[in-house]
Protein backbone atom coordinates (compact mmCIF):
# COMPACT_ATOMS: atom_id res chain seq x y z
CA MET A 1 13.09 -7.91 2.39
CA GLY A 2 10.77 -6.74 -0.38
CA LYS A 3 10.38 -6.93 -4.12
CA HIS A 4 10.31 -3.77 -6.18
CA VAL A 5 9.64 -2.96 -9.83
CA THR A 6 11.87 -0.45 -11.60
CA TYR A 7 10.55 2.82 -13.04
CA LEU A 8 12.31 5.41 -15.21
CA ARG A 9 11.58 9.14 -15.33
CA THR A 10 12.78 11.28 -18.24
CA LEU A 11 13.94 14.89 -18.22
CA GLU A 12 10.45 15.85 -19.44
CA GLY A 13 8.83 13.99 -16.54
CA ASN A 14 7.54 11.02 -18.54
CA ILE A 15 7.40 7.82 -16.51
CA GLU A 16 8.02 4.31 -17.80
CA ARG A 17 7.50 1.07 -15.88
CA LEU A 18 9.99 -1.75 -16.54
CA PRO A 19 7.96 -4.87 -15.64
CA ASN A 20 10.86 -7.24 -16.33
CA ALA A 21 13.20 -5.37 -13.98
CA ILE A 22 12.20 -6.71 -10.56
CA THR A 23 14.64 -6.22 -7.70
CA THR A 24 14.81 -7.67 -4.21
CA GLN A 25 15.89 -5.22 -1.52
CA LEU A 26 17.56 -6.66 1.55
CA GLY A 27 16.63 -4.92 4.78
CA ASN A 28 14.43 -1.85 5.07
CA SER A 29 16.67 0.74 3.40
CA LEU A 30 15.83 2.01 -0.07
CA HIS A 31 18.96 4.20 -0.19
CA PRO A 32 19.53 6.03 -2.54
CA TYR A 33 15.84 5.91 -3.55
CA ARG A 34 14.52 8.41 -1.01
CA TYR A 35 12.20 10.75 -2.95
CA GLU A 36 8.65 9.40 -2.70
CA GLU A 37 6.03 10.17 -5.36
CA THR A 38 2.43 8.98 -5.54
CA LEU A 39 1.61 7.10 -8.74
CA VAL A 40 -1.80 7.39 -10.40
CA GLY A 41 -2.83 5.03 -13.19
CA TRP A 42 -0.02 2.55 -12.54
CA PRO A 43 -0.15 -0.89 -10.88
CA GLU A 44 1.88 0.44 -7.92
CA SER A 45 0.68 3.32 -5.75
CA LYS A 46 4.05 4.95 -5.06
CA VAL A 47 7.61 5.07 -6.32
CA TYR A 48 10.87 6.10 -4.66
CA TRP A 49 13.20 8.07 -6.96
CA ALA A 50 16.98 8.41 -6.71
CA ASN A 51 16.68 12.12 -7.70
CA ALA A 52 14.05 14.60 -6.59
CA ARG A 53 13.72 16.10 -10.10
CA GLY A 54 14.78 15.36 -13.63
CA PRO A 55 15.84 12.02 -15.07
CA ALA A 56 15.88 9.27 -12.47
CA VAL A 57 15.59 5.59 -11.75
CA GLY A 58 12.96 4.65 -9.21
CA LEU A 59 11.78 1.62 -7.27
CA ALA A 60 8.14 0.91 -6.47
CA PRO A 61 7.09 -1.68 -3.89
CA LEU A 62 5.58 -4.60 -5.76
CA ASP A 63 2.15 -5.56 -4.44
CA ALA A 64 2.21 -9.32 -4.03
CA THR A 65 -1.53 -9.58 -3.44
CA PHE A 66 -3.26 -11.57 -6.15
CA GLU A 67 -6.93 -12.41 -6.47
CA ILE A 68 -7.57 -16.10 -7.09
CA ARG A 69 -10.74 -16.97 -9.01
């Protein structure tokens, strides 16, 4: 089981992170989110899209590692 943050991709390829849309996936399957893309400049390092191209909803594994100071 893992937590994921939701991303949106527009027709033009713009990406938006929805920080208040956290999901919990049961099991190891991310179906239908099977198209992996590396993220640069975002808190998460990769996202899994429902569609290979064009507008899509995606899920990115949420890194639960926090630095305590």
